[in-house]
Amino acid sequence: MLARWVNERYPGRRRIFTSKTSPVAPFEPEVKRQAVMAFCTRQISASEISRRIGVSRAVLYKWKDEIIGNSAYQTMRKHNEPSLEAERDALREEVARLNQEIRRRQMELDILKKAEKIIKNLWSPPFLLH
């Protein structure tokens, strides 16, 4: 009865806590799933999600464990993805490698042009040289 009065007087402000004796909060599975998805993708902080829904952060973590489990969550964490710095460094290394390749190819081209000029001079009739 007190809970109903609090909800009427202050809608959305009452927080629901669960315990070992009452482990299930009265939320639809879809609400739990959306909260866990937002939490795992870090769209919103755990504190903000729990405040909006009206549960404690502990409940949110419990829902996460119930829905996806801890091992699946670990694979979703951002630290498993290459960081932007690592990606940037890899791209810089690739640019340096490609620039080196361009210099090598340009040197080959210059050598071939010189060789072509020398061969033309060797095989040209003498009266065409002047």
N, C-alpha and C. Protein backbone atom coordinates (compact mmCIF):
# COMPACT_ATOMS: atom_id res chain seq x y z
N MET A 1 0.82 -1.18 0.00
CA MET A 1 0.00 0.00 0.00
C MET A 1 0.87 1.25 0.00
N LEU A 2 1.91 1.25 0.80
CA LEU A 2 2.83 2.38 0.84
C LEU A 2 3.51 2.55 -0.52
N ALA A 3 3.88 1.44 -1.14
CA ALA A 3 4.53 1.50 -2.45
C ALA A 3 3.61 2.13 -3.49
N ARG A 4 2.32 1.79 -3.45
CA ARG A 4 1.37 2.36 -4.39
C ARG A 4 1.25 3.86 -4.17
N TRP A 5 1.20 4.28 -2.91
CA TRP A 5 1.10 5.71 -2.59
C TRP A 5 2.34 6.45 -3.11
N VAL A 6 3.53 5.86 -2.91
CA VAL A 6 4.77 6.50 -3.38
C VAL A 6 4.75 6.60 -4.90
N ASN A 7 4.30 5.54 -5.58
CA ASN A 7 4.24 5.58 -7.04
C ASN A 7 3.25 6.62 -7.54
N GLU A 8 2.12 6.79 -6.84
CA GLU A 8 1.14 7.79 -7.25
C GLU A 8 1.67 9.19 -6.98
N ARG A 9 2.28 9.36 -5.84
CA ARG A 9 2.76 10.68 -5.44
C ARG A 9 4.01 11.10 -6.22
N TYR A 10 4.93 10.15 -6.41
CA TYR A 10 6.20 10.41 -7.10
C TYR A 10 6.41 9.34 -8.18
N PRO A 11 5.73 9.46 -9.31
CA PRO A 11 5.85 8.41 -10.34
C PRO A 11 7.29 8.29 -10.85
N GLY A 12 7.74 7.05 -10.96
CA GLY A 12 9.06 6.78 -11.49
C GLY A 12 10.20 6.99 -10.53
N ARG A 13 9.92 7.36 -9.29
CA ARG A 13 10.99 7.66 -8.34
C ARG A 13 11.30 6.51 -7.40
N ARG A 14 10.35 5.58 -7.25
CA ARG A 14 10.56 4.48 -6.31
C ARG A 14 11.51 3.47 -6.92
N ARG A 15 12.53 3.10 -6.15
CA ARG A 15 13.49 2.11 -6.61
C ARG A 15 13.10 0.74 -6.07
N ILE A 16 13.30 -0.26 -6.90
CA ILE A 16 12.96 -1.62 -6.50
C ILE A 16 14.26 -2.36 -6.23
N PHE A 17 14.36 -2.93 -5.05
CA PHE A 17 15.53 -3.71 -4.68
C PHE A 17 15.12 -5.17 -4.61
N THR A 18 16.02 -6.04 -5.01
CA THR A 18 15.73 -7.45 -4.88
C THR A 18 16.71 -8.06 -3.90
N SER A 19 16.34 -9.20 -3.40
CA SER A 19 17.21 -9.90 -2.46
C SER A 19 17.13 -11.39 -2.75
N LYS A 20 17.81 -12.19 -1.98
CA LYS A 20 17.77 -13.64 -2.18
C LYS A 20 16.37 -14.18 -1.94
N THR A 21 15.63 -13.58 -1.02
CA THR A 21 14.28 -14.06 -0.73
C THR A 21 13.28 -13.61 -1.79
N SER A 22 13.53 -12.48 -2.43
CA SER A 22 12.65 -11.98 -3.48
C SER A 22 13.50 -11.58 -4.68
N PRO A 23 14.00 -12.56 -5.43
CA PRO A 23 14.97 -12.25 -6.47
C PRO A 23 14.41 -11.64 -7.75
N VAL A 24 13.11 -11.66 -7.95
CA VAL A 24 12.57 -11.20 -9.22
C VAL A 24 11.83 -9.88 -9.03
N ALA A 25 12.29 -8.86 -9.73
CA ALA A 25 11.60 -7.57 -9.71
C ALA A 25 10.47 -7.64 -10.73
N PRO A 26 9.37 -6.93 -10.50
CA PRO A 26 8.22 -7.02 -11.41
C PRO A 26 8.42 -6.21 -12.69
N PHE A 27 9.28 -6.70 -13.56
CA PHE A 27 9.53 -6.04 -14.84
C PHE A 27 9.32 -7.03 -15.97
N GLU A 28 8.81 -6.52 -17.07
CA GLU A 28 8.63 -7.35 -18.26
C GLU A 28 10.00 -7.77 -18.79
N PRO A 29 10.09 -8.95 -19.38
CA PRO A 29 11.38 -9.40 -19.93
C PRO A 29 11.95 -8.45 -20.97
N GLU A 30 11.09 -7.81 -21.75
CA GLU A 30 11.57 -6.88 -22.78
C GLU A 30 12.24 -5.66 -22.15
N VAL A 31 11.69 -5.17 -21.04
CA VAL A 31 12.29 -4.03 -20.34
C VAL A 31 13.67 -4.42 -19.83
N LYS A 32 13.76 -5.61 -19.26
CA LYS A 32 15.05 -6.10 -18.76
C LYS A 32 16.05 -6.23 -19.91
N ARG A 33 15.59 -6.81 -21.02
CA ARG A 33 16.48 -7.02 -22.16
C ARG A 33 17.01 -5.70 -22.71
N GLN A 34 16.13 -4.72 -22.85
CA GLN A 34 16.56 -3.42 -23.36
C GLN A 34 17.53 -2.73 -22.40
N ALA A 35 17.26 -2.85 -21.11
CA ALA A 35 18.16 -2.26 -20.12
C ALA A 35 19.54 -2.91 -20.18
N VAL A 36 19.56 -4.23 -20.28
CA VAL A 36 20.83 -4.96 -20.36
C VAL A 36 21.56 -4.61 -21.65
N MET A 37 20.84 -4.49 -22.76
CA MET A 37 21.48 -4.15 -24.02
C MET A 37 22.11 -2.76 -23.95
N ALA A 38 21.38 -1.80 -23.41
CA ALA A 38 21.93 -0.45 -23.27
C ALA A 38 23.14 -0.46 -22.35
N PHE A 39 23.08 -1.25 -21.30
CA PHE A 39 24.18 -1.35 -20.35
C PHE A 39 25.42 -1.98 -21.00
N CYS A 40 25.23 -3.07 -21.72
CA CYS A 40 26.36 -3.80 -22.31
C CYS A 40 27.00 -3.04 -23.46
N THR A 41 26.22 -2.28 -24.20
CA THR A 41 26.79 -1.51 -25.31
C THR A 41 27.27 -0.15 -24.86
N ARG A 42 27.11 0.14 -23.59
CA ARG A 42 27.58 1.40 -22.99
C ARG A 42 26.96 2.63 -23.65
N GLN A 43 25.71 2.48 -24.09
CA GLN A 43 25.01 3.64 -24.62
C GLN A 43 24.75 4.64 -23.49
N ILE A 44 24.45 4.09 -22.33
CA ILE A 44 24.14 4.90 -21.14
C ILE A 44 24.85 4.24 -19.97
N SER A 45 25.23 5.03 -18.98
CA SER A 45 25.91 4.45 -17.82
C SER A 45 24.95 3.58 -17.01
N ALA A 46 25.52 2.66 -16.25
CA ALA A 46 24.71 1.77 -15.42
C ALA A 46 23.89 2.57 -14.42
N SER A 47 24.49 3.60 -13.86
CA SER A 47 23.76 4.44 -12.89
C SER A 47 22.55 5.11 -13.52
N GLU A 48 22.74 5.62 -14.74
CA GLU A 48 21.65 6.31 -15.42
C GLU A 48 20.54 5.33 -15.80
N ILE A 49 20.90 4.16 -16.29
CA ILE A 49 19.89 3.16 -16.65
C ILE A 49 19.10 2.76 -15.42
N SER A 50 19.80 2.46 -14.33
CA SER A 50 19.11 2.02 -13.12
C SER A 50 18.23 3.14 -12.55
N ARG A 51 18.68 4.39 -12.67
CA ARG A 51 17.87 5.51 -12.19
C ARG A 51 16.60 5.64 -13.02
N ARG A 52 16.71 5.53 -14.34
CA ARG A 52 15.55 5.67 -15.22
C ARG A 52 14.52 4.57 -15.00
N ILE A 53 15.01 3.35 -14.80
CA ILE A 53 14.09 2.22 -14.64
C ILE A 53 13.53 2.16 -13.22
N GLY A 54 14.35 2.58 -12.27
CA GLY A 54 13.90 2.54 -10.88
C GLY A 54 14.39 1.31 -10.14
N VAL A 55 15.55 0.81 -10.52
CA VAL A 55 16.15 -0.33 -9.82
C VAL A 55 17.55 0.06 -9.39
N SER A 56 18.11 -0.76 -8.53
CA SER A 56 19.49 -0.50 -8.11
C SER A 56 20.44 -0.99 -9.20
N ARG A 57 21.67 -0.50 -9.14
CA ARG A 57 22.67 -0.97 -10.10
C ARG A 57 22.92 -2.46 -9.94
N ALA A 58 22.83 -2.94 -8.70
CA ALA A 58 23.03 -4.37 -8.44
C ALA A 58 22.00 -5.20 -9.20
N VAL A 59 20.76 -4.72 -9.26
CA VAL A 59 19.71 -5.43 -9.99
C VAL A 59 20.04 -5.45 -11.48
N LEU A 60 20.52 -4.33 -11.98
CA LEU A 60 20.90 -4.26 -13.39
C LEU A 60 22.00 -5.27 -13.70
N TYR A 61 22.99 -5.38 -12.85
CA TYR A 61 24.07 -6.36 -13.04
C TYR A 61 23.52 -7.79 -12.95
N LYS A 62 22.56 -7.98 -12.06
CA LYS A 62 21.95 -9.31 -11.93
C LYS A 62 21.19 -9.68 -13.20
N TRP A 63 20.45 -8.73 -13.75
CA TRP A 63 19.74 -8.97 -15.00
C TRP A 63 20.73 -9.32 -16.11
N LYS A 64 21.85 -8.61 -16.14
CA LYS A 64 22.87 -8.89 -17.16
C LYS A 64 23.35 -10.33 -17.05
N ASP A 65 23.63 -10.76 -15.83
CA ASP A 65 24.08 -12.15 -15.62
C ASP A 65 23.00 -13.15 -16.01
N GLU A 66 21.74 -12.83 -15.71
CA GLU A 66 20.63 -13.74 -16.04
C GLU A 66 20.43 -13.84 -17.55
N ILE A 67 20.52 -12.71 -18.24
CA ILE A 67 20.18 -12.68 -19.66
C ILE A 67 21.33 -13.15 -20.54
N ILE A 68 22.52 -12.63 -20.32
CA ILE A 68 23.62 -13.00 -21.23
C ILE A 68 24.76 -13.73 -20.56
N GLY A 69 24.82 -13.71 -19.27
CA GLY A 69 25.92 -14.39 -18.59
C GLY A 69 27.19 -13.57 -18.62
N ASN A 70 28.10 -13.88 -17.74
CA ASN A 70 29.32 -13.10 -17.62
C ASN A 70 30.30 -13.36 -18.76
N SER A 71 30.39 -14.60 -19.23
CA SER A 71 31.36 -14.90 -20.30
C SER A 71 30.98 -14.20 -21.60
N ALA A 72 29.70 -14.16 -21.93
CA ALA A 72 29.27 -13.46 -23.14
C ALA A 72 29.52 -11.97 -23.02
N TYR A 73 29.32 -11.44 -21.82
CA TYR A 73 29.55 -10.01 -21.60
C TYR A 73 31.02 -9.67 -21.81
N GLN A 74 31.92 -10.53 -21.35
CA GLN A 74 33.35 -10.26 -21.49
C GLN A 74 33.75 -10.15 -22.96
N THR A 75 33.12 -10.92 -23.83
CA THR A 75 33.46 -10.84 -25.25
C THR A 75 32.90 -9.57 -25.88
N MET A 76 31.89 -8.97 -25.26
CA MET A 76 31.29 -7.75 -25.79
C MET A 76 32.03 -6.50 -25.35
N ARG A 77 32.86 -6.61 -24.35
CA ARG A 77 33.51 -5.43 -23.79
C ARG A 77 34.40 -4.75 -24.81
N LYS A 78 34.54 -3.46 -24.66
CA LYS A 78 35.29 -2.67 -25.62
C LYS A 78 36.77 -3.01 -25.65
N HIS A 79 37.33 -3.46 -24.53
CA HIS A 79 38.77 -3.70 -24.52
C HIS A 79 39.16 -4.85 -25.44
N ASN A 80 38.21 -5.65 -25.90
CA ASN A 80 38.52 -6.72 -26.84
C ASN A 80 38.64 -6.20 -28.27
N GLU A 81 38.14 -5.01 -28.51
CA GLU A 81 38.23 -4.41 -29.83
C GLU A 81 39.53 -3.63 -29.93
N PRO A 82 40.12 -3.56 -31.13
CA PRO A 82 41.34 -2.76 -31.25
C PRO A 82 41.03 -1.29 -30.97
N SER A 83 41.89 -0.65 -30.23
CA SER A 83 41.66 0.74 -29.90
C SER A 83 41.90 1.62 -31.12
N LEU A 84 41.39 2.83 -31.06
CA LEU A 84 41.59 3.75 -32.17
C LEU A 84 43.06 4.07 -32.34
N GLU A 85 43.79 4.16 -31.22
CA GLU A 85 45.22 4.44 -31.30
C GLU A 85 45.96 3.31 -32.01
N ALA A 86 45.61 2.07 -31.69
CA ALA A 86 46.26 0.92 -32.33
C ALA A 86 45.93 0.89 -33.82
N GLU A 87 44.69 1.20 -34.15
CA GLU A 87 44.29 1.23 -35.55
C GLU A 87 45.02 2.35 -36.29
N ARG A 88 45.13 3.51 -35.64
CA ARG A 88 45.85 4.64 -36.25
C ARG A 88 47.31 4.28 -36.48
N ASP A 89 47.96 3.65 -35.49
CA ASP A 89 49.36 3.25 -35.63
C ASP A 89 49.54 2.25 -36.76
N ALA A 90 48.61 1.31 -36.88
CA ALA A 90 48.69 0.32 -37.96
C ALA A 90 48.56 1.00 -39.32
N LEU A 91 47.66 1.98 -39.40
CA LEU A 91 47.49 2.70 -40.67
C LEU A 91 48.72 3.53 -41.01
N ARG A 92 49.34 4.13 -40.00
CA ARG A 92 50.58 4.90 -40.24
C ARG A 92 51.70 3.99 -40.74
N GLU A 93 51.81 2.80 -40.15
CA GLU A 93 52.81 1.84 -40.62
C GLU A 93 52.55 1.45 -42.06
N GLU A 94 51.29 1.26 -42.40
CA GLU A 94 50.92 0.90 -43.77
C GLU A 94 51.27 2.04 -44.73
N VAL A 95 51.02 3.28 -44.34
CA VAL A 95 51.37 4.44 -45.18
C VAL A 95 52.88 4.50 -45.39
N ALA A 96 53.65 4.30 -44.32
CA ALA A 96 55.12 4.31 -44.44
C ALA A 96 55.59 3.21 -45.38
N ARG A 97 55.01 2.03 -45.26
CA ARG A 97 55.39 0.91 -46.13
C ARG A 97 55.06 1.22 -47.59
N LEU A 98 53.88 1.80 -47.81
CA LEU A 98 53.48 2.13 -49.18
C LEU A 98 54.35 3.24 -49.77
N ASN A 99 54.73 4.23 -48.96
CA ASN A 99 55.63 5.28 -49.45
C ASN A 99 56.98 4.71 -49.83
N GLN A 100 57.48 3.78 -49.04
CA GLN A 100 58.74 3.12 -49.35
C GLN A 100 58.63 2.34 -50.67
N GLU A 101 57.51 1.68 -50.85
CA GLU A 101 57.27 0.93 -52.10
C GLU A 101 57.22 1.88 -53.30
N ILE A 102 56.60 3.04 -53.12
CA ILE A 102 56.54 4.04 -54.21
C ILE A 102 57.94 4.50 -54.57
N ARG A 103 58.79 4.79 -53.57
CA ARG A 103 60.16 5.23 -53.85
C ARG A 103 60.95 4.15 -54.61
N ARG A 104 60.78 2.90 -54.20
CA ARG A 104 61.47 1.79 -54.85
C ARG A 104 61.02 1.65 -56.31
N ARG A 105 59.72 1.74 -56.53
CA ARG A 105 59.18 1.62 -57.89
C ARG A 105 59.63 2.80 -58.77
N GLN A 106 59.69 3.99 -58.18
CA GLN A 106 60.15 5.16 -58.93
C GLN A 106 61.61 5.00 -59.33
N MET A 107 62.43 4.45 -58.43
CA MET A 107 63.83 4.20 -58.73
C MET A 107 63.96 3.18 -59.87
N GLU A 108 63.15 2.13 -59.82
CA GLU A 108 63.16 1.13 -60.90
C GLU A 108 62.79 1.78 -62.23
N LEU A 109 61.79 2.64 -62.21
CA LEU A 109 61.35 3.31 -63.43
C LEU A 109 62.46 4.20 -63.99
N ASP A 110 63.12 4.95 -63.12
CA ASP A 110 64.21 5.82 -63.56
C ASP A 110 65.35 5.00 -64.18
N ILE A 111 65.69 3.87 -63.56
CA ILE A 111 66.75 3.00 -64.09
C ILE A 111 66.35 2.46 -65.45
N LEU A 112 65.12 2.02 -65.60
CA LEU A 112 64.66 1.49 -66.88
C LEU A 112 64.66 2.57 -67.97
N LYS A 113 64.30 3.79 -67.63
CA LYS A 113 64.32 4.88 -68.61
C LYS A 113 65.75 5.15 -69.08
N LYS A 114 66.70 5.16 -68.14
CA LYS A 114 68.11 5.37 -68.49
C LYS A 114 68.60 4.24 -69.38
N ALA A 115 68.25 3.00 -69.02
CA ALA A 115 68.67 1.85 -69.81
C ALA A 115 68.09 1.93 -71.21
N GLU A 116 66.85 2.35 -71.32
CA GLU A 116 66.22 2.49 -72.64
C GLU A 116 66.98 3.51 -73.48
N LYS A 117 67.36 4.61 -72.88
CA LYS A 117 68.08 5.67 -73.58
C LYS A 117 69.44 5.16 -74.06
N ILE A 118 70.14 4.42 -73.20
CA ILE A 118 71.46 3.88 -73.56
C ILE A 118 71.32 2.88 -74.71
N ILE A 119 70.34 2.00 -74.62
CA ILE A 119 70.14 0.98 -75.66
C ILE A 119 69.78 1.64 -76.99
N LYS A 120 68.96 2.67 -76.96
CA LYS A 120 68.60 3.37 -78.20
C LYS A 120 69.84 3.99 -78.84
N ASN A 121 70.72 4.56 -78.02
CA ASN A 121 71.94 5.18 -78.54
C ASN A 121 72.88 4.14 -79.11
N LEU A 122 72.96 2.96 -78.51
CA LEU A 122 73.85 1.91 -79.00
C LEU A 122 73.37 1.33 -80.32
N TRP A 123 72.11 1.19 -80.50
CA TRP A 123 71.56 0.53 -81.67
C TRP A 123 71.10 1.49 -82.77
N SER A 124 71.23 2.75 -82.56
CA SER A 124 70.83 3.72 -83.59
C SER A 124 71.95 3.84 -84.63
N PRO A 125 71.58 4.04 -85.89
CA PRO A 125 72.61 4.29 -86.91
C PRO A 125 73.37 5.57 -86.58
N PRO A 126 74.66 5.64 -86.86
CA PRO A 126 75.48 6.79 -86.48
C PRO A 126 75.00 8.11 -87.08
N PHE A 127 74.44 8.11 -88.27
CA PHE A 127 74.00 9.36 -88.89
C PHE A 127 72.76 9.95 -88.21
N LEU A 128 72.02 9.14 -87.41
CA LEU A 128 70.84 9.66 -86.71
C LEU A 128 71.18 10.25 -85.34
N LEU A 129 72.40 10.02 -84.86
CA LEU A 129 72.77 10.51 -83.54
C LEU A 129 72.90 12.02 -83.51
N HIS A 130 73.33 12.63 -84.62
CA HIS A 130 73.57 14.07 -84.58
C HIS A 130 72.46 14.82 -85.18
